[in-house]
N, C-alpha and C. Protein backbone atom coordinates (compact mmCIF):
# COMPACT_ATOMS: atom_id res chain seq x y z
N MET A 1 77.11 20.43 32.07
CA MET A 1 77.16 19.44 32.05
C MET A 1 77.27 18.91 30.69
N SER A 2 78.33 18.35 30.17
CA SER A 2 78.21 18.14 28.65
C SER A 2 77.58 16.58 28.51
N CYS A 3 77.09 16.30 27.37
CA CYS A 3 76.16 15.19 26.59
C CYS A 3 77.03 14.38 26.01
N ALA A 4 76.83 13.09 25.93
CA ALA A 4 77.53 12.33 24.86
C ALA A 4 77.11 12.37 23.62
N ILE A 5 77.92 12.71 22.64
CA ILE A 5 77.41 12.56 21.08
C ILE A 5 78.28 11.63 20.52
N VAL A 6 77.51 10.66 19.86
CA VAL A 6 78.66 9.85 19.15
C VAL A 6 77.95 9.84 17.39
N ASP A 7 79.34 10.25 16.79
CA ASP A 7 79.48 10.37 15.33
C ASP A 7 78.15 11.38 15.10
N ASP A 8 77.97 12.43 15.89
CA ASP A 8 77.24 13.47 15.67
C ASP A 8 75.64 13.14 15.66
N ARG A 9 75.37 11.89 16.45
CA ARG A 9 74.32 11.66 16.51
C ARG A 9 73.75 11.77 18.10
N VAL A 10 72.33 11.74 18.28
CA VAL A 10 71.74 12.05 19.30
C VAL A 10 71.74 10.75 20.29
N VAL A 11 72.36 10.90 21.86
CA VAL A 11 72.53 9.57 22.27
C VAL A 11 71.15 9.57 23.33
N VAL A 12 70.77 8.36 23.71
CA VAL A 12 69.59 8.29 24.19
C VAL A 12 69.86 7.22 25.17
N ALA A 13 69.64 6.98 26.52
CA ALA A 13 69.68 6.05 27.44
C ALA A 13 68.21 5.45 27.52
N VAL A 14 68.22 4.19 27.47
CA VAL A 14 66.87 3.64 27.68
C VAL A 14 66.83 2.41 28.73
N LEU A 15 65.77 2.74 29.73
CA LEU A 15 65.66 1.88 30.73
C LEU A 15 64.65 1.18 30.78
N TRP A 16 64.80 -0.17 30.91
CA TRP A 16 63.76 -1.06 30.72
C TRP A 16 64.10 -2.36 31.45
N ASN A 17 63.03 -3.23 31.73
CA ASN A 17 63.16 -4.24 32.53
C ASN A 17 63.20 -5.36 31.51
N ALA A 18 64.71 -6.03 31.51
CA ALA A 18 64.63 -7.13 30.46
C ALA A 18 64.30 -8.51 30.87
N ALA A 19 63.83 -8.41 32.10
CA ALA A 19 63.19 -9.71 32.46
C ALA A 19 61.88 -9.67 32.33
N ASN A 20 61.30 -8.81 31.73
CA ASN A 20 59.87 -8.76 30.94
C ASN A 20 60.02 -9.31 29.48
N PRO A 21 59.41 -10.57 28.96
CA PRO A 21 59.69 -10.83 27.75
C PRO A 21 59.30 -9.89 26.88
N GLY A 22 57.90 -9.23 27.10
CA GLY A 22 57.39 -8.37 26.21
C GLY A 22 58.11 -7.11 25.97
N ASN A 23 58.72 -6.58 26.88
CA ASN A 23 59.68 -5.79 26.53
C ASN A 23 61.05 -6.02 25.67
N VAL A 24 61.50 -7.21 25.61
CA VAL A 24 62.61 -7.56 24.93
C VAL A 24 62.33 -7.43 23.41
N ILE A 25 60.85 -7.92 23.11
CA ILE A 25 60.21 -7.49 21.78
C ILE A 25 60.38 -6.19 21.44
N ILE A 26 59.75 -4.99 22.51
CA ILE A 26 59.67 -3.70 22.13
C ILE A 26 61.20 -3.33 22.15
N TRP A 27 62.05 -3.64 22.88
CA TRP A 27 63.72 -2.98 22.76
C TRP A 27 64.04 -3.44 21.11
N LYS A 28 63.93 -4.33 20.84
CA LYS A 28 64.06 -4.68 19.51
C LYS A 28 63.72 -3.58 18.32
N GLU A 29 62.29 -3.19 18.55
CA GLU A 29 61.66 -2.28 17.80
C GLU A 29 62.17 -0.77 18.26
N VAL A 30 62.49 -0.65 19.44
CA VAL A 30 63.10 0.56 19.44
C VAL A 30 64.34 0.87 18.67
N GLN A 31 65.08 -0.15 18.84
CA GLN A 31 66.47 -0.09 17.96
C GLN A 31 66.58 -0.07 16.68
N VAL A 32 65.62 -0.85 16.08
CA VAL A 32 65.31 -0.43 14.59
C VAL A 32 64.77 1.07 14.37
N THR A 33 63.85 1.56 15.20
CA THR A 33 63.29 3.07 14.91
C THR A 33 64.59 3.89 15.23
N ALA A 34 65.38 3.44 16.37
CA ALA A 34 66.57 4.64 16.74
C ALA A 34 67.50 4.45 15.21
N ARG A 35 67.67 3.54 14.60
CA ARG A 35 69.04 3.25 13.48
C ARG A 35 68.01 4.13 12.59
N THR A 36 67.18 4.11 12.42
CA THR A 36 66.30 4.57 10.91
C THR A 36 66.31 6.38 11.32
N LEU A 37 66.37 6.56 12.78
CA LEU A 37 66.43 8.25 12.87
C LEU A 37 67.78 8.78 13.42
N GLY A 38 68.59 7.83 13.42
CA GLY A 38 69.98 8.26 13.40
C GLY A 38 70.46 8.47 14.91
N VAL A 39 69.76 7.61 15.84
CA VAL A 39 69.95 8.23 17.15
C VAL A 39 70.46 6.83 18.10
N THR A 40 71.64 6.87 18.70
CA THR A 40 72.28 6.03 19.23
C THR A 40 71.95 5.83 20.63
N LEU A 41 71.60 4.40 20.97
CA LEU A 41 70.92 4.04 22.31
C LEU A 41 72.04 3.44 23.02
N GLN A 42 71.76 3.52 24.67
CA GLN A 42 72.60 3.08 25.57
C GLN A 42 71.36 2.19 26.49
N SER A 43 71.38 1.10 26.32
CA SER A 43 70.64 0.17 26.99
C SER A 43 70.98 0.16 28.38
N ARG A 44 70.12 0.34 29.28
CA ARG A 44 70.25 0.20 31.03
C ARG A 44 69.12 -0.42 31.23
N GLU A 45 69.45 -1.94 31.59
CA GLU A 45 68.53 -3.04 31.87
C GLU A 45 68.39 -2.85 33.49
N VAL A 46 67.00 -3.22 33.70
CA VAL A 46 66.51 -3.34 35.27
C VAL A 46 66.01 -4.74 35.08
N ARG A 47 66.02 -5.34 36.20
CA ARG A 47 65.48 -6.68 36.44
C ARG A 47 64.77 -6.97 37.66
N GLY A 48 65.01 -5.85 38.38
CA GLY A 48 64.72 -5.69 39.99
C GLY A 48 64.81 -4.45 40.39
N PRO A 49 64.42 -4.34 41.84
CA PRO A 49 64.47 -3.12 42.44
C PRO A 49 65.89 -2.65 42.82
N ASP A 50 66.88 -3.43 42.95
CA ASP A 50 68.19 -3.25 43.14
C ASP A 50 69.17 -2.92 42.12
N ASP A 51 68.48 -2.91 40.73
CA ASP A 51 69.07 -2.63 39.59
C ASP A 51 68.91 -1.07 39.44
N PHE A 52 67.99 -0.32 39.94
CA PHE A 52 68.00 1.18 39.46
C PHE A 52 68.99 2.13 39.98
N GLU A 53 69.81 1.64 41.07
CA GLU A 53 70.97 2.68 41.54
C GLU A 53 71.83 2.25 40.53
N ARG A 54 72.40 0.94 40.31
CA ARG A 54 73.29 0.91 39.04
C ARG A 54 73.19 1.47 37.73
N ALA A 55 71.89 1.29 37.49
CA ALA A 55 71.49 1.91 36.11
C ALA A 55 71.58 3.43 36.09
N PHE A 56 71.11 4.04 37.11
CA PHE A 56 71.16 5.50 37.35
C PHE A 56 72.80 5.88 37.31
N ALA A 57 73.50 5.25 38.01
CA ALA A 57 75.10 5.58 37.88
C ALA A 57 75.66 5.23 36.49
N ALA A 58 75.37 4.30 35.83
CA ALA A 58 75.89 4.36 34.32
C ALA A 58 75.42 5.45 33.76
N ILE A 59 74.07 5.56 33.54
CA ILE A 59 73.67 6.84 32.97
C ILE A 59 74.34 8.15 33.09
N THR A 60 74.44 8.33 34.51
CA THR A 60 75.20 9.69 34.86
C THR A 60 76.73 9.59 34.37
N LYS A 61 77.18 8.52 34.21
CA LYS A 61 78.57 8.27 33.74
C LYS A 61 78.54 8.47 32.39
N GLU A 62 77.86 7.96 31.66
CA GLU A 62 77.73 8.17 30.13
C GLU A 62 77.10 9.36 29.59
N ARG A 63 76.25 10.14 30.71
CA ARG A 63 75.74 11.48 30.02
C ARG A 63 75.10 11.62 28.78
N PRO A 64 74.12 10.96 28.36
CA PRO A 64 73.37 10.90 27.39
C PRO A 64 72.60 12.08 27.03
N GLU A 65 71.85 12.35 26.25
CA GLU A 65 71.20 13.62 26.11
C GLU A 65 69.70 13.47 26.55
N ALA A 66 69.34 12.32 26.61
CA ALA A 66 67.81 12.29 27.07
C ALA A 66 67.75 10.46 27.35
N LEU A 67 66.58 10.65 27.94
CA LEU A 67 66.47 9.34 28.58
C LEU A 67 64.79 8.82 28.15
N LEU A 68 64.90 7.69 27.83
CA LEU A 68 63.43 6.84 27.35
C LEU A 68 63.28 5.86 28.35
N THR A 69 61.85 5.62 28.91
CA THR A 69 61.61 4.61 29.48
C THR A 69 60.69 3.71 28.80
N LEU A 70 60.52 2.55 29.33
CA LEU A 70 59.57 1.28 28.40
C LEU A 70 58.36 1.14 29.19
N ASP A 71 57.57 0.75 28.80
CA ASP A 71 56.31 0.25 29.57
C ASP A 71 56.49 -0.88 30.32
N ASP A 72 56.52 -0.93 31.61
CA ASP A 72 56.59 -2.07 32.61
C ASP A 72 56.11 -1.99 34.01
N PRO A 73 55.71 -2.84 34.78
CA PRO A 73 55.00 -2.64 35.98
C PRO A 73 56.12 -2.40 36.93
N LEU A 74 57.36 -2.80 36.80
CA LEU A 74 58.69 -2.50 37.62
C LEU A 74 59.07 -1.07 37.51
N VAL A 75 59.05 -0.50 36.28
CA VAL A 75 59.38 0.79 35.84
C VAL A 75 58.43 1.81 36.45
N PHE A 76 57.22 1.28 36.41
CA PHE A 76 55.96 2.15 36.80
C PHE A 76 56.24 2.31 38.33
N GLN A 77 56.44 1.46 38.94
CA GLN A 77 56.60 1.16 40.56
C GLN A 77 57.91 2.39 41.22
N TYR A 78 58.67 2.45 40.24
CA TYR A 78 59.75 3.15 40.33
C TYR A 78 59.70 4.77 39.52
N GLN A 79 58.64 4.95 39.13
CA GLN A 79 58.57 6.29 38.21
C GLN A 79 59.03 7.36 39.15
N THR A 80 58.80 7.56 40.33
CA THR A 80 58.98 8.62 40.98
C THR A 80 60.53 8.92 41.31
N SER A 81 61.02 7.66 41.59
CA SER A 81 62.70 7.93 41.50
C SER A 81 63.20 8.04 40.20
N ILE A 82 62.81 7.73 39.40
CA ILE A 82 62.93 7.72 37.79
C ILE A 82 63.03 9.53 37.52
N VAL A 83 62.04 9.80 37.71
CA VAL A 83 61.45 11.33 37.45
C VAL A 83 62.72 12.28 38.09
N ASP A 84 62.87 11.76 39.80
CA ASP A 84 63.62 12.62 40.38
C ASP A 84 65.17 12.31 40.11
N PHE A 85 65.41 11.36 39.29
CA PHE A 85 66.78 11.24 38.98
C PHE A 85 67.20 12.11 37.64
N ALA A 86 66.16 11.93 36.71
CA ALA A 86 66.17 12.61 35.32
C ALA A 86 66.20 14.17 35.98
N ALA A 87 65.24 14.66 36.72
CA ALA A 87 65.31 16.01 37.03
C ALA A 87 66.85 16.39 37.71
N LYS A 88 67.21 15.56 38.65
CA LYS A 88 68.71 16.01 39.35
C LYS A 88 69.61 16.36 38.43
N LYS A 89 69.46 15.11 37.35
CA LYS A 89 70.71 15.35 35.90
C LYS A 89 70.28 16.27 35.06
N ARG A 90 69.41 16.74 35.33
CA ARG A 90 68.79 17.52 34.13
C ARG A 90 68.76 16.90 32.73
N LEU A 91 67.93 15.81 32.75
CA LEU A 91 68.02 14.89 31.69
C LEU A 91 66.76 14.91 31.06
N PRO A 92 66.37 15.32 30.03
CA PRO A 92 65.12 15.32 29.45
C PRO A 92 64.54 13.72 29.10
N ALA A 93 63.36 13.54 29.65
CA ALA A 93 62.94 12.35 29.66
C ALA A 93 61.62 11.98 29.24
N MET A 94 61.15 10.83 28.30
CA MET A 94 60.12 10.55 27.68
C MET A 94 59.56 9.12 28.41
N HIS A 95 58.74 9.37 29.32
CA HIS A 95 58.25 8.11 29.91
C HIS A 95 57.08 7.34 29.03
N ALA A 96 56.67 6.07 29.92
CA ALA A 96 55.82 5.14 29.41
C ALA A 96 54.22 5.69 30.02
N PHE A 97 54.38 6.43 31.04
CA PHE A 97 52.92 6.54 31.69
C PHE A 97 52.49 8.17 31.87
N ARG A 98 51.64 8.46 31.82
CA ARG A 98 51.22 9.94 31.94
C ARG A 98 51.22 10.12 33.51
N GLU A 99 51.43 9.03 34.25
CA GLU A 99 51.54 9.43 35.96
C GLU A 99 52.80 9.79 36.08
N SER A 100 53.93 9.49 35.35
CA SER A 100 55.29 10.14 35.60
C SER A 100 55.28 11.52 35.01
N VAL A 101 54.39 11.85 34.34
CA VAL A 101 54.72 13.27 33.83
C VAL A 101 53.78 14.09 35.09
N GLU A 102 52.84 13.48 35.74
CA GLU A 102 51.86 14.23 36.64
C GLU A 102 52.78 14.51 37.85
N VAL A 103 53.99 13.61 38.00
CA VAL A 103 54.83 13.73 39.19
C VAL A 103 56.00 14.22 38.97
N GLY A 104 56.11 15.06 37.79
CA GLY A 104 57.18 15.89 37.44
C GLY A 104 58.00 15.31 36.37
N GLY A 105 57.78 14.44 35.72
CA GLY A 105 58.62 13.93 34.23
C GLY A 105 58.06 14.98 33.27
N LEU A 106 58.90 14.77 32.12
CA LEU A 106 58.86 15.88 30.90
C LEU A 106 57.66 15.52 30.22
N MET A 107 57.67 14.09 29.75
CA MET A 107 56.61 13.91 28.79
C MET A 107 56.38 12.44 28.57
N ALA A 108 54.98 12.42 28.23
CA ALA A 108 54.51 10.80 27.91
C ALA A 108 53.76 10.45 26.62
N TYR A 109 53.88 9.62 26.04
CA TYR A 109 53.29 9.14 24.98
C TYR A 109 53.05 7.84 25.45
N SER A 110 51.61 7.58 25.60
CA SER A 110 51.18 5.88 25.83
C SER A 110 49.82 5.80 25.90
N VAL A 111 49.23 4.32 25.74
CA VAL A 111 48.05 4.05 25.96
C VAL A 111 47.23 4.84 27.00
N ASN A 112 46.03 5.03 26.85
CA ASN A 112 45.24 5.59 27.54
C ASN A 112 44.48 4.34 28.67
N LEU A 113 45.18 4.29 29.93
CA LEU A 113 45.08 3.08 30.74
C LEU A 113 43.35 2.91 30.79
N PRO A 114 42.59 3.92 31.39
CA PRO A 114 41.32 3.91 32.00
C PRO A 114 40.47 3.50 30.54
N ASP A 115 40.80 3.67 29.18
CA ASP A 115 40.31 3.36 28.24
C ASP A 115 40.22 1.63 28.25
N MET A 116 41.52 1.32 28.24
CA MET A 116 41.96 -0.20 28.03
C MET A 116 41.17 -0.77 29.21
N TYR A 117 41.23 -0.09 30.30
CA TYR A 117 40.49 -0.77 31.41
C TYR A 117 38.74 -1.09 31.04
N ARG A 118 38.12 -0.15 30.55
CA ARG A 118 36.84 -0.22 30.05
C ARG A 118 36.69 -1.16 28.83
N ARG A 119 37.20 -1.17 27.90
CA ARG A 119 37.70 -2.16 27.13
C ARG A 119 37.59 -3.80 27.36
N SER A 120 38.60 -3.80 28.50
CA SER A 120 38.69 -5.18 29.35
C SER A 120 37.56 -5.35 29.81
N ALA A 121 36.88 -4.67 30.45
CA ALA A 121 35.36 -5.10 31.13
C ALA A 121 34.59 -5.34 30.21
N THR A 122 34.67 -5.14 29.26
CA THR A 122 33.78 -5.49 27.96
C THR A 122 34.00 -7.08 27.74
N PHE A 123 35.09 -7.43 27.53
CA PHE A 123 35.52 -8.83 27.49
C PHE A 123 34.89 -9.53 28.80
N VAL A 124 35.31 -9.03 29.77
CA VAL A 124 34.92 -9.91 31.08
C VAL A 124 33.39 -10.19 30.92
N ASP A 125 32.53 -8.87 30.41
CA ASP A 125 30.96 -9.20 30.60
C ASP A 125 30.73 -10.33 29.26
N LYS A 126 31.49 -10.19 28.45
CA LYS A 126 31.21 -11.38 27.33
C LYS A 126 31.25 -12.56 27.94
N ILE A 127 32.44 -12.95 28.40
CA ILE A 127 32.81 -14.17 29.29
C ILE A 127 31.72 -14.58 30.17
N LEU A 128 31.29 -13.71 30.92
CA LEU A 128 30.49 -13.78 32.09
C LEU A 128 29.37 -14.24 31.65
N LYS A 129 28.92 -13.87 30.04
CA LYS A 129 27.61 -14.09 29.52
C LYS A 129 27.58 -15.50 28.52
N GLY A 130 28.78 -16.29 28.72
CA GLY A 130 28.97 -17.23 28.04
C GLY A 130 29.75 -17.51 26.97
N ALA A 131 30.52 -16.15 26.48
CA ALA A 131 31.23 -16.32 25.26
C ALA A 131 32.66 -17.15 25.76
N LYS A 132 33.41 -17.98 24.83
CA LYS A 132 34.63 -18.68 24.89
C LYS A 132 35.64 -17.57 24.80
N PRO A 133 36.67 -17.57 25.69
CA PRO A 133 37.58 -16.70 25.59
C PRO A 133 38.38 -16.76 24.14
N ALA A 134 38.70 -17.77 23.97
CA ALA A 134 39.46 -18.30 22.54
C ALA A 134 38.86 -17.89 21.29
N GLU A 135 37.47 -17.44 21.32
CA GLU A 135 36.84 -16.98 20.25
C GLU A 135 36.61 -15.53 20.19
N LEU A 136 36.99 -14.95 21.15
CA LEU A 136 36.89 -13.68 21.15
C LEU A 136 38.11 -12.99 20.39
N PRO A 137 38.12 -12.00 19.66
CA PRO A 137 39.16 -11.21 18.85
C PRO A 137 40.20 -10.82 19.71
N MET A 138 41.33 -10.65 19.32
CA MET A 138 42.41 -10.08 20.16
C MET A 138 42.40 -8.49 19.70
N GLU A 139 42.58 -7.54 20.54
CA GLU A 139 42.48 -6.10 20.32
C GLU A 139 43.66 -5.43 21.09
N GLN A 140 43.84 -4.37 20.01
CA GLN A 140 45.08 -3.82 20.35
C GLN A 140 44.86 -2.40 20.84
N PRO A 141 45.52 -1.39 21.43
CA PRO A 141 44.96 -0.31 22.23
C PRO A 141 45.01 0.48 20.89
N THR A 142 43.63 1.36 21.19
CA THR A 142 43.12 2.34 19.85
C THR A 142 43.22 3.98 20.54
N LYS A 143 43.47 4.07 21.82
CA LYS A 143 43.37 5.38 22.08
C LYS A 143 44.79 5.84 22.97
N PHE A 144 45.70 6.67 22.18
CA PHE A 144 46.77 7.03 22.90
C PHE A 144 46.89 8.39 23.12
N GLU A 145 47.58 8.66 24.24
CA GLU A 145 47.76 10.22 24.61
C GLU A 145 49.08 10.79 24.86
N LEU A 146 49.29 12.06 24.59
CA LEU A 146 50.57 12.70 24.56
C LEU A 146 50.40 13.67 25.70
N VAL A 147 50.92 13.47 27.11
CA VAL A 147 51.05 14.50 27.89
C VAL A 147 52.07 15.24 28.13
N ILE A 148 52.55 16.33 28.40
CA ILE A 148 53.72 17.26 28.47
C ILE A 148 53.63 18.15 29.80
N ASN A 149 54.69 18.40 30.43
CA ASN A 149 54.68 19.10 31.63
C ASN A 149 55.80 20.25 31.28
N LEU A 150 54.97 21.53 30.97
CA LEU A 150 55.70 22.66 30.67
C LEU A 150 56.45 23.07 31.88
N LYS A 151 56.09 22.86 33.15
CA LYS A 151 56.85 23.32 34.40
C LYS A 151 58.57 22.53 34.36
N THR A 152 58.19 21.26 33.83
CA THR A 152 59.74 20.65 33.97
C THR A 152 60.65 21.25 32.69
N ALA A 153 59.78 20.95 31.51
CA ALA A 153 60.45 21.85 30.48
C ALA A 153 61.17 23.08 30.88
N LYS A 154 60.52 24.00 31.23
CA LYS A 154 61.00 25.12 31.90
C LYS A 154 62.24 24.86 32.83
N ALA A 155 62.19 24.16 33.49
CA ALA A 155 63.38 23.71 34.75
C ALA A 155 64.34 23.35 33.82
N LEU A 156 64.39 22.48 32.94
CA LEU A 156 65.33 21.85 31.90
C LEU A 156 65.73 22.99 31.04
N GLY A 157 65.26 24.22 30.88
CA GLY A 157 65.89 25.09 30.05
C GLY A 157 65.18 24.64 28.48
N LEU A 158 64.07 24.15 28.30
CA LEU A 158 63.78 23.54 26.92
C LEU A 158 62.45 24.54 26.44
N THR A 159 62.41 24.60 25.45
CA THR A 159 61.11 25.19 24.72
C THR A 159 60.32 24.19 24.21
N ILE A 160 59.03 23.72 24.38
CA ILE A 160 58.44 22.92 23.51
C ILE A 160 57.94 23.44 22.26
N PRO A 161 57.93 23.15 21.17
CA PRO A 161 57.51 23.73 20.30
C PRO A 161 56.14 23.97 20.10
N HIS A 162 55.33 25.03 19.74
CA HIS A 162 54.05 25.26 19.68
C HIS A 162 53.32 24.24 19.13
N SER A 163 53.71 23.47 17.99
CA SER A 163 52.81 22.43 17.24
C SER A 163 52.59 21.23 17.91
N LEU A 164 53.80 20.97 18.72
CA LEU A 164 53.60 19.77 19.66
C LEU A 164 52.62 19.89 20.64
N LEU A 165 52.65 21.22 21.33
CA LEU A 165 51.59 21.52 22.32
C LEU A 165 50.26 21.41 21.97
N LEU A 166 49.96 21.88 20.49
CA LEU A 166 48.68 21.78 20.04
C LEU A 166 48.12 20.25 19.98
N ARG A 167 49.36 19.50 19.75
CA ARG A 167 49.09 18.00 19.39
C ARG A 167 48.83 17.26 20.94
N ALA A 168 49.02 17.42 21.99
CA ALA A 168 49.22 17.11 23.27
C ALA A 168 47.61 17.28 23.91
N ASP A 169 47.57 15.87 24.43
CA ASP A 169 46.21 15.60 24.97
C ASP A 169 46.05 16.34 26.36
N GLN A 170 47.04 16.67 27.10
CA GLN A 170 47.14 17.71 28.26
C GLN A 170 48.68 18.19 28.49
N VAL A 171 48.30 19.44 28.72
CA VAL A 171 49.87 20.07 28.85
C VAL A 171 49.72 20.45 30.43
N ILE A 172 50.48 20.01 31.18
CA ILE A 172 50.86 20.29 32.53
C ILE A 172 51.49 21.66 32.82
N GLU A 173 51.11 22.70 33.57
CA GLU A 173 51.51 24.07 33.45
C GLU A 173 51.86 24.29 35.08
């Protein structure tokens, strides 16, 4: 299968939920980063369950070199379908959730959700003890994790650099 290359630039399809206002902001940041890195993006928007087949068909037709998914509950709900699609099309994919890698996705770099839930519980505890929510500081995630699936890499014919494997928080073999 040949892949799309535009002006000697890597082409990456980005699957994201455009109905999520937070993702619109993230999409803009991804575009800025892609320009800096010399990567061409193909936006594949989904807004509901019926949009995935259309997005998959467009990705198949355009033949990008890789797939990136943005963090979103809708995308999370369809992670198995996305992973299966990427495997069928032999498309390396970077996912927004470690769970996608656990079901066969190539890799994910994301916040550590259990850590975020624990931190959220701390806020709930403070509020229940009388703290005013408006007076509590906003926090950004502080713990991120890189998860790589070597079985998937092998199936795609990819060799993951040793330096990247050393940085991974988990390597699935």
